[in-house]
Amino acid sequence: MGSLTINLLGTSFKINAQQDSQYLQQLLTYYTGVVDNLKETLSEQDPLQIAILAGILISDELHTQKCTSNIQQIGTENNYMLSEVENITEKLINSIDQVL
C-alpha cells in the first residue's frame, strides 16, 4: 500500500492507495505534465477548468489506446477465421474432386 501527497492547482492533500508509492508518483508526474502543458497553452488559468481538461485529455488517450487495441484484436481474430475458412474450403474442394 502506498501514499502520496499531492500539491497541484492550488490544493494539497494526501492519498492512500493499494498501489505502491512509486507508481502513484509516476501517475502524478504524468498528470502534472498534462496540467503544465495546458497551463502553457491556455489563456484561462482556472484550476478547475484545467483539471477537467487534463482529465478529458487523459481519458481521450486511454480511449484511443483501447480502440486501437480492440481493432488489432479483431484483426487477429479475423485472420484466424479467414485461415479456418480457407482450410475448410480446401477440404471441401478436395472432397468434391475425389467424388468426381
C-alpha atoms as a PDB file:
ATOM      1  CA  MET A   1       0.000   0.000   0.000  1.00  0.00           C
ATOM      2  CA  GLY A   2       1.299   3.410  -0.896  1.00  0.00           C
ATOM      3  CA  SER A   3       0.623   7.011  -0.122  1.00  0.00           C
ATOM      4  CA  LEU A   4       1.229  10.259  -1.925  1.00  0.00           C
ATOM      5  CA  THR A   5       0.913  13.930  -1.094  1.00  0.00           C
ATOM      6  CA  ILE A   6      -0.475  15.944  -3.986  1.00  0.00           C
ATOM      7  CA  ASN A   7       0.278  19.668  -4.297  1.00  0.00           C
ATOM      8  CA  LEU A   8      -1.323  20.797  -7.518  1.00  0.00           C
ATOM      9  CA  LEU A   9      -3.536  23.575  -8.857  1.00  0.00           C
ATOM     10  CA  GLY A  10      -3.686  25.412  -5.560  1.00  0.00           C
ATOM     11  CA  THR A  11      -4.687  22.465  -3.428  1.00  0.00           C
ATOM     12  CA  SER A  12      -2.850  19.939  -1.305  1.00  0.00           C
ATOM     13  CA  PHE A  13      -3.974  16.584   0.051  1.00  0.00           C
ATOM     14  CA  LYS A  14      -2.705  13.110   0.787  1.00  0.00           C
ATOM     15  CA  ILE A  15      -3.996   9.884  -0.746  1.00  0.00           C
ATOM     16  CA  ASN A  16      -3.548   6.271   0.289  1.00  0.00           C
ATOM     17  CA  ALA A  17      -3.970   3.515  -2.284  1.00  0.00           C
ATOM     18  CA  GLN A  18      -3.297  -0.165  -2.838  1.00  0.00           C
ATOM     19  CA  GLN A  19      -0.603   0.647  -5.419  1.00  0.00           C
ATOM     20  CA  ASP A  20       2.897   1.420  -4.206  1.00  0.00           C
ATOM     21  CA  SER A  21       4.110   4.978  -3.715  1.00  0.00           C
ATOM     22  CA  GLN A  22       6.453   4.864  -6.708  1.00  0.00           C
ATOM     23  CA  TYR A  23       3.577   4.006  -9.052  1.00  0.00           C
ATOM     24  CA  LEU A  24       1.431   6.757  -7.560  1.00  0.00           C
ATOM     25  CA  GLN A  25       4.286   9.220  -8.077  1.00  0.00           C
ATOM     26  CA  GLN A  26       4.572   8.164 -11.730  1.00  0.00           C
ATOM     27  CA  LEU A  27       0.847   8.836 -12.213  1.00  0.00           C
ATOM     28  CA  LEU A  28       1.137  12.232 -10.541  1.00  0.00           C
ATOM     29  CA  THR A  29       4.173  13.134 -12.638  1.00  0.00           C
ATOM     30  CA  TYR A  30       2.299  12.264 -15.828  1.00  0.00           C
ATOM     31  CA  TYR A  31      -0.810  14.181 -14.737  1.00  0.00           C
ATOM     32  CA  THR A  32       1.299  17.175 -13.679  1.00  0.00           C
ATOM     33  CA  GLY A  33       2.901  17.196 -17.136  1.00  0.00           C
ATOM     34  CA  VAL A  34      -0.519  17.326 -18.789  1.00  0.00           C
ATOM     35  CA  VAL A  35      -1.594  20.122 -16.416  1.00  0.00           C
ATOM     36  CA  ASP A  36       1.590  22.094 -17.073  1.00  0.00           C
ATOM     37  CA  ASN A  37       1.132  21.794 -20.846  1.00  0.00           C
ATOM     38  CA  LEU A  38      -2.416  23.079 -20.519  1.00  0.00           C
ATOM     39  CA  LYS A  39      -1.276  25.987 -18.346  1.00  0.00           C
ATOM     40  CA  GLU A  40       1.219  26.985 -21.036  1.00  0.00           C
ATOM     41  CA  THR A  41      -1.326  26.630 -23.828  1.00  0.00           C
ATOM     42  CA  LEU A  42      -4.454  28.192 -22.319  1.00  0.00           C
ATOM     43  CA  SER A  43      -5.070  31.798 -21.530  1.00  0.00           C
ATOM     44  CA  GLU A  44      -7.655  30.693 -18.942  1.00  0.00           C
ATOM     45  CA  GLN A  45      -5.938  29.667 -15.711  1.00  0.00           C
ATOM     46  CA  ASP A  46      -8.939  28.488 -13.694  1.00  0.00           C
ATOM     47  CA  PRO A  47      -7.698  25.421 -11.734  1.00  0.00           C
ATOM     48  CA  LEU A  48     -10.999  23.548 -12.033  1.00  0.00           C
ATOM     49  CA  GLN A  49     -11.149  24.021 -15.799  1.00  0.00           C
ATOM     50  CA  ILE A  50      -7.527  22.933 -16.158  1.00  0.00           C
ATOM     51  CA  ALA A  51      -8.154  19.834 -14.002  1.00  0.00           C
ATOM     52  CA  ILE A  52     -11.233  18.913 -16.057  1.00  0.00           C
ATOM     53  CA  LEU A  53      -9.440  19.423 -19.371  1.00  0.00           C
ATOM     54  CA  ALA A  54      -6.484  17.343 -18.150  1.00  0.00           C
ATOM     55  CA  GLY A  55      -8.876  14.553 -17.213  1.00  0.00           C
ATOM     56  CA  ILE A  56     -10.541  14.720 -20.619  1.00  0.00           C
ATOM     57  CA  LEU A  57      -7.183  14.639 -22.443  1.00  0.00           C
ATOM     58  CA  ILE A  58      -6.009  11.615 -20.461  1.00  0.00           C
ATOM     59  CA  SER A  59      -9.382   9.899 -20.978  1.00  0.00           C
ATOM     60  CA  ASP A  60      -9.031  10.520 -24.707  1.00  0.00           C
ATOM     61  CA  GLU A  61      -5.573   8.908 -24.696  1.00  0.00           C
ATOM     62  CA  LEU A  62      -6.897   5.861 -22.859  1.00  0.00           C
ATOM     63  CA  HIS A  63      -9.946   5.561 -25.114  1.00  0.00           C
ATOM     64  CA  THR A  64      -7.794   5.822 -28.249  1.00  0.00           C
ATOM     65  CA  GLN A  65      -5.436   3.131 -26.955  1.00  0.00           C
ATOM     66  CA  LYS A  66      -8.352   0.823 -26.114  1.00  0.00           C
ATOM     67  CA  CYS A  67      -9.880   1.323 -29.562  1.00  0.00           C
ATOM     68  CA  THR A  68      -6.554   0.621 -31.248  1.00  0.00           C
ATOM     69  CA  SER A  69      -6.090  -2.491 -29.122  1.00  0.00           C
ATOM     70  CA  ASN A  70      -9.613  -3.702 -29.946  1.00  0.00           C
ATOM     71  CA  ILE A  71      -9.058  -3.144 -33.668  1.00  0.00           C
ATOM     72  CA  GLN A  72      -5.810  -5.121 -33.525  1.00  0.00           C
ATOM     73  CA  GLN A  73      -7.534  -7.931 -31.629  1.00  0.00           C
ATOM     74  CA  ILE A  74     -10.381  -8.024 -34.154  1.00  0.00           C
ATOM     75  CA  GLY A  75      -7.838  -8.108 -36.971  1.00  0.00           C
ATOM     76  CA  THR A  76      -6.076 -11.063 -35.363  1.00  0.00           C
ATOM     77  CA  GLU A  77      -9.376 -12.893 -34.851  1.00  0.00           C
ATOM     78  CA  ASN A  78     -10.407 -12.182 -38.453  1.00  0.00           C
ATOM     79  CA  ASN A  79      -7.093 -13.540 -39.742  1.00  0.00           C
ATOM     80  CA  TYR A  80      -7.627 -16.724 -37.735  1.00  0.00           C
ATOM     81  CA  MET A  81     -11.206 -17.104 -39.020  1.00  0.00           C
ATOM     82  CA  LEU A  82     -10.073 -16.470 -42.600  1.00  0.00           C
ATOM     83  CA  SER A  83      -7.449 -19.175 -42.206  1.00  0.00           C
ATOM     84  CA  GLU A  84     -10.081 -21.579 -40.917  1.00  0.00           C
ATOM     85  CA  VAL A  85     -12.425 -20.747 -43.812  1.00  0.00           C
ATOM     86  CA  GLU A  86      -9.602 -21.320 -46.276  1.00  0.00           C
ATOM     87  CA  ASN A  87      -8.817 -24.703 -44.685  1.00  0.00           C
ATOM     88  CA  ILE A  88     -12.453 -25.778 -44.765  1.00  0.00           C
ATOM     89  CA  THR A  89     -12.834 -24.597 -48.371  1.00  0.00           C
ATOM     90  CA  GLU A  90      -9.736 -26.522 -49.402  1.00  0.00           C
ATOM     91  CA  LYS A  91     -11.039 -29.680 -47.710  1.00  0.00           C
ATOM     92  CA  LEU A  92     -14.407 -29.291 -49.446  1.00  0.00           C
ATOM     93  CA  ILE A  93     -12.750 -28.843 -52.840  1.00  0.00           C
ATOM     94  CA  ASN A  94     -10.606 -31.943 -52.242  1.00  0.00           C
ATOM     95  CA  SER A  95     -13.691 -33.928 -51.207  1.00  0.00           C
ATOM     96  CA  ILE A  96     -15.576 -32.814 -54.325  1.00  0.00           C
ATOM     97  CA  ASP A  97     -12.582 -33.667 -56.531  1.00  0.00           C
ATOM     98  CA  GLN A  98     -12.434 -37.176 -55.050  1.00  0.00           C
ATOM     99  CA  VAL A  99     -16.123 -37.757 -55.745  1.00  0.00           C
ATOM    100  CA  LEU A 100     -15.875 -36.522 -59.314  1.00  0.00           C
END
